Amino acid sequence: MKAEVSAVLPWNRKEVYLGFSEREFSHVREMLSAAGIPCETRIVNARCSGTRGRLSSFGMDPAYENQFYVYVRKSDYERAFAFLKKGA
């Protein structure tokens, strides 16, 4: 019998939030924490990401500079999605 992996790792995770709002990102993290659902986060800054950052970020709306991701374990996805949908 395999032990369940408790960490949110790249091969056992699913995205529950993707957006540009830091406020919504924080709200999602707080809701998941309150529900006892562990999550992993990632923030991508468009100005610093490869060629796009060097060539095409000029004139970019600062509101879309950071892209926020929240992931949960695949086994927690349905519960997390329902909880977030109910709390939205």
N, C-alpha and C. Protein backbone atom coordinates (compact mmCIF):
# COMPACT_ATOMS: atom_id res chain seq x y z
N MET A 1 0.84 -1.18 0.00
CA MET A 1 0.00 0.00 0.00
C MET A 1 0.89 1.25 0.00
N LYS A 2 0.60 2.18 -0.90
CA LYS A 2 1.39 3.40 -1.02
C LYS A 2 0.94 4.43 0.00
N ALA A 3 1.90 5.14 0.56
CA ALA A 3 1.57 6.25 1.45
C ALA A 3 1.20 7.45 0.58
N GLU A 4 0.20 8.20 0.98
CA GLU A 4 -0.21 9.38 0.22
C GLU A 4 0.82 10.48 0.39
N VAL A 5 1.18 11.09 -0.71
CA VAL A 5 2.12 12.21 -0.68
C VAL A 5 1.38 13.42 -0.14
N SER A 6 1.91 14.04 0.91
CA SER A 6 1.19 15.15 1.53
C SER A 6 1.60 16.51 0.97
N ALA A 7 2.75 16.60 0.36
CA ALA A 7 3.20 17.88 -0.18
C ALA A 7 2.52 18.16 -1.52
N VAL A 8 2.43 19.43 -1.86
CA VAL A 8 1.88 19.83 -3.15
C VAL A 8 3.06 19.93 -4.11
N LEU A 9 3.29 18.87 -4.85
CA LEU A 9 4.43 18.79 -5.76
C LEU A 9 3.97 18.91 -7.20
N PRO A 10 4.87 19.30 -8.10
CA PRO A 10 4.46 19.51 -9.50
C PRO A 10 3.72 18.34 -10.14
N TRP A 11 4.06 17.12 -9.79
CA TRP A 11 3.42 15.96 -10.42
C TRP A 11 2.11 15.54 -9.74
N ASN A 12 1.78 16.15 -8.62
CA ASN A 12 0.51 15.78 -7.96
C ASN A 12 -0.35 17.00 -7.63
N ARG A 13 -0.25 18.04 -8.45
CA ARG A 13 -0.99 19.26 -8.16
C ARG A 13 -1.89 19.66 -9.32
N LYS A 14 -2.86 20.52 -9.00
CA LYS A 14 -3.78 21.04 -10.00
C LYS A 14 -4.04 22.51 -9.67
N GLU A 15 -4.16 23.32 -10.69
CA GLU A 15 -4.33 24.76 -10.53
C GLU A 15 -5.78 25.09 -10.15
N VAL A 16 -5.94 25.87 -9.06
CA VAL A 16 -7.28 26.32 -8.67
C VAL A 16 -7.46 27.82 -8.86
N TYR A 17 -6.38 28.54 -9.06
CA TYR A 17 -6.49 29.98 -9.30
C TYR A 17 -5.36 30.43 -10.21
N LEU A 18 -5.71 31.27 -11.16
CA LEU A 18 -4.76 31.94 -12.02
C LEU A 18 -5.34 33.31 -12.28
N GLY A 19 -4.59 34.35 -11.93
CA GLY A 19 -5.10 35.70 -12.14
C GLY A 19 -4.03 36.75 -11.94
N PHE A 20 -4.47 38.01 -12.06
CA PHE A 20 -3.55 39.14 -11.95
C PHE A 20 -3.78 39.96 -10.70
N SER A 21 -4.78 39.62 -9.91
CA SER A 21 -5.12 40.39 -8.72
C SER A 21 -4.44 39.83 -7.47
N GLU A 22 -3.60 40.66 -6.87
CA GLU A 22 -2.94 40.23 -5.64
C GLU A 22 -3.95 40.06 -4.51
N ARG A 23 -4.98 40.89 -4.52
CA ARG A 23 -6.04 40.81 -3.50
C ARG A 23 -6.79 39.47 -3.61
N GLU A 24 -7.19 39.09 -4.82
CA GLU A 24 -7.89 37.81 -5.01
C GLU A 24 -6.97 36.64 -4.68
N PHE A 25 -5.71 36.74 -5.09
CA PHE A 25 -4.71 35.71 -4.79
C PHE A 25 -4.62 35.48 -3.29
N SER A 26 -4.52 36.56 -2.52
CA SER A 26 -4.44 36.46 -1.06
C SER A 26 -5.73 35.87 -0.48
N HIS A 27 -6.86 36.29 -1.03
CA HIS A 27 -8.16 35.79 -0.56
C HIS A 27 -8.26 34.27 -0.78
N VAL A 28 -7.85 33.80 -1.94
CA VAL A 28 -7.89 32.36 -2.25
C VAL A 28 -7.00 31.60 -1.27
N ARG A 29 -5.80 32.10 -1.03
CA ARG A 29 -4.88 31.44 -0.09
C ARG A 29 -5.47 31.39 1.32
N GLU A 30 -6.09 32.48 1.75
CA GLU A 30 -6.70 32.52 3.09
C GLU A 30 -7.86 31.54 3.20
N MET A 31 -8.68 31.47 2.15
CA MET A 31 -9.82 30.54 2.17
C MET A 31 -9.35 29.09 2.22
N LEU A 32 -8.34 28.76 1.44
CA LEU A 32 -7.82 27.39 1.45
C LEU A 32 -7.21 27.06 2.80
N SER A 33 -6.50 28.00 3.38
CA SER A 33 -5.91 27.79 4.70
C SER A 33 -6.99 27.56 5.75
N ALA A 34 -8.06 28.35 5.69
CA ALA A 34 -9.17 28.21 6.65
C ALA A 34 -9.85 26.85 6.51
N ALA A 35 -9.84 26.30 5.29
CA ALA A 35 -10.47 25.00 5.04
C ALA A 35 -9.50 23.85 5.34
N GLY A 36 -8.25 24.19 5.68
CA GLY A 36 -7.27 23.14 5.97
C GLY A 36 -6.74 22.45 4.72
N ILE A 37 -6.81 23.15 3.59
CA ILE A 37 -6.33 22.59 2.32
C ILE A 37 -4.96 23.20 2.00
N PRO A 38 -3.91 22.39 2.00
CA PRO A 38 -2.58 22.92 1.70
C PRO A 38 -2.50 23.37 0.24
N CYS A 39 -1.74 24.43 0.00
CA CYS A 39 -1.59 24.92 -1.37
C CYS A 39 -0.15 25.33 -1.62
N GLU A 40 0.17 25.44 -2.88
CA GLU A 40 1.47 25.90 -3.34
C GLU A 40 1.18 27.10 -4.23
N THR A 41 2.04 28.10 -4.20
CA THR A 41 1.81 29.30 -5.00
C THR A 41 3.00 29.60 -5.90
N ARG A 42 2.72 30.38 -6.92
CA ARG A 42 3.77 30.82 -7.83
C ARG A 42 3.39 32.19 -8.35
N ILE A 43 4.35 33.08 -8.41
CA ILE A 43 4.13 34.42 -8.94
C ILE A 43 5.13 34.62 -10.08
N VAL A 44 4.61 34.97 -11.25
CA VAL A 44 5.45 35.19 -12.42
C VAL A 44 5.39 36.66 -12.78
N ASN A 45 6.55 37.29 -12.84
CA ASN A 45 6.64 38.70 -13.21
C ASN A 45 6.98 38.78 -14.69
N ALA A 46 6.06 39.35 -15.48
CA ALA A 46 6.24 39.42 -16.93
C ALA A 46 7.46 40.24 -17.33
N ARG A 47 7.83 41.20 -16.53
CA ARG A 47 9.00 42.03 -16.88
C ARG A 47 10.30 41.26 -16.74
N CYS A 48 10.29 40.21 -15.98
CA CYS A 48 11.52 39.47 -15.71
C CYS A 48 11.54 38.09 -16.35
N SER A 49 10.59 37.78 -17.19
CA SER A 49 10.52 36.42 -17.71
C SER A 49 11.04 36.34 -19.15
N GLY A 50 12.29 36.02 -19.29
CA GLY A 50 12.90 35.74 -20.57
C GLY A 50 12.84 36.86 -21.59
N THR A 51 12.67 36.50 -22.84
CA THR A 51 12.67 37.45 -23.94
C THR A 51 11.56 38.47 -23.82
N ARG A 52 10.39 38.05 -23.39
CA ARG A 52 9.28 38.99 -23.26
C ARG A 52 9.65 40.13 -22.32
N GLY A 53 10.31 39.80 -21.23
CA GLY A 53 10.70 40.82 -20.28
C GLY A 53 11.63 41.86 -20.87
N ARG A 54 12.50 41.43 -21.76
CA ARG A 54 13.46 42.35 -22.36
C ARG A 54 12.91 43.12 -23.56
N LEU A 55 12.02 42.49 -24.31
CA LEU A 55 11.60 43.10 -25.57
C LEU A 55 10.21 43.72 -25.58
N SER A 56 9.26 43.11 -24.90
CA SER A 56 7.90 43.59 -25.11
C SER A 56 7.15 44.01 -23.85
N SER A 57 7.85 44.34 -22.78
CA SER A 57 7.13 44.80 -21.59
C SER A 57 6.97 46.31 -21.58
N PHE A 58 7.59 47.00 -22.52
CA PHE A 58 7.44 48.45 -22.61
C PHE A 58 5.98 48.79 -22.86
N GLY A 59 5.44 49.71 -22.06
CA GLY A 59 4.06 50.11 -22.21
C GLY A 59 3.07 49.15 -21.58
N MET A 60 3.55 48.14 -20.91
CA MET A 60 2.68 47.14 -20.29
C MET A 60 1.94 47.75 -19.10
N ASP A 61 0.68 47.45 -19.00
CA ASP A 61 -0.13 47.91 -17.87
C ASP A 61 0.41 47.27 -16.60
N PRO A 62 0.83 48.06 -15.60
CA PRO A 62 1.39 47.50 -14.36
C PRO A 62 0.43 46.55 -13.64
N ALA A 63 -0.87 46.70 -13.87
CA ALA A 63 -1.84 45.81 -13.23
C ALA A 63 -1.70 44.38 -13.72
N TYR A 64 -1.06 44.19 -14.88
CA TYR A 64 -0.89 42.85 -15.45
C TYR A 64 0.57 42.41 -15.44
N GLU A 65 1.36 43.05 -14.62
CA GLU A 65 2.78 42.72 -14.54
C GLU A 65 3.02 41.37 -13.85
N ASN A 66 2.27 41.09 -12.79
CA ASN A 66 2.43 39.84 -12.05
C ASN A 66 1.25 38.92 -12.30
N GLN A 67 1.57 37.65 -12.54
CA GLN A 67 0.54 36.64 -12.72
C GLN A 67 0.65 35.68 -11.54
N PHE A 68 -0.48 35.46 -10.86
CA PHE A 68 -0.50 34.67 -9.63
C PHE A 68 -1.14 33.31 -9.88
N TYR A 69 -0.50 32.27 -9.38
CA TYR A 69 -1.00 30.90 -9.51
C TYR A 69 -1.17 30.31 -8.11
N VAL A 70 -2.23 29.52 -7.92
CA VAL A 70 -2.41 28.75 -6.69
C VAL A 70 -2.72 27.31 -7.10
N TYR A 71 -1.98 26.37 -6.52
CA TYR A 71 -2.15 24.96 -6.81
C TYR A 71 -2.52 24.21 -5.53
N VAL A 72 -3.30 23.15 -5.69
CA VAL A 72 -3.60 22.23 -4.58
C VAL A 72 -3.28 20.82 -5.07
N ARG A 73 -3.21 19.87 -4.12
CA ARG A 73 -3.02 18.48 -4.51
C ARG A 73 -4.20 18.03 -5.37
N LYS A 74 -3.93 17.16 -6.30
CA LYS A 74 -5.00 16.64 -7.15
C LYS A 74 -6.11 16.02 -6.31
N SER A 75 -5.73 15.37 -5.24
CA SER A 75 -6.73 14.71 -4.38
C SER A 75 -7.60 15.72 -3.62
N ASP A 76 -7.15 16.97 -3.50
CA ASP A 76 -7.92 18.02 -2.82
C ASP A 76 -8.65 18.94 -3.78
N TYR A 77 -8.47 18.75 -5.08
CA TYR A 77 -8.98 19.71 -6.06
C TYR A 77 -10.49 19.91 -5.98
N GLU A 78 -11.26 18.84 -5.99
CA GLU A 78 -12.72 18.96 -5.99
C GLU A 78 -13.21 19.70 -4.75
N ARG A 79 -12.64 19.36 -3.60
CA ARG A 79 -13.03 20.01 -2.35
C ARG A 79 -12.63 21.49 -2.37
N ALA A 80 -11.42 21.78 -2.84
CA ALA A 80 -10.94 23.17 -2.92
C ALA A 80 -11.80 23.98 -3.88
N PHE A 81 -12.08 23.41 -5.06
CA PHE A 81 -12.88 24.12 -6.05
C PHE A 81 -14.27 24.43 -5.51
N ALA A 82 -14.91 23.45 -4.86
CA ALA A 82 -16.25 23.66 -4.30
C ALA A 82 -16.21 24.70 -3.20
N PHE A 83 -15.20 24.66 -2.36
CA PHE A 83 -15.08 25.61 -1.26
C PHE A 83 -14.88 27.03 -1.80
N LEU A 84 -14.03 27.18 -2.80
CA LEU A 84 -13.78 28.50 -3.38
C LEU A 84 -15.01 29.02 -4.12
N LYS A 85 -15.71 28.14 -4.80
CA LYS A 85 -16.91 28.54 -5.53
C LYS A 85 -17.99 29.01 -4.56
N LYS A 86 -18.12 28.31 -3.43
CA LYS A 86 -19.12 28.67 -2.42
C LYS A 86 -18.76 30.00 -1.77
N GLY A 87 -17.48 30.26 -1.57
CA GLY A 87 -17.04 31.47 -0.88
C GLY A 87 -16.86 32.67 -1.78
N ALA A 88 -17.02 32.49 -3.07
CA ALA A 88 -16.79 33.59 -4.02
C ALA A 88 -17.84 34.64 -4.01
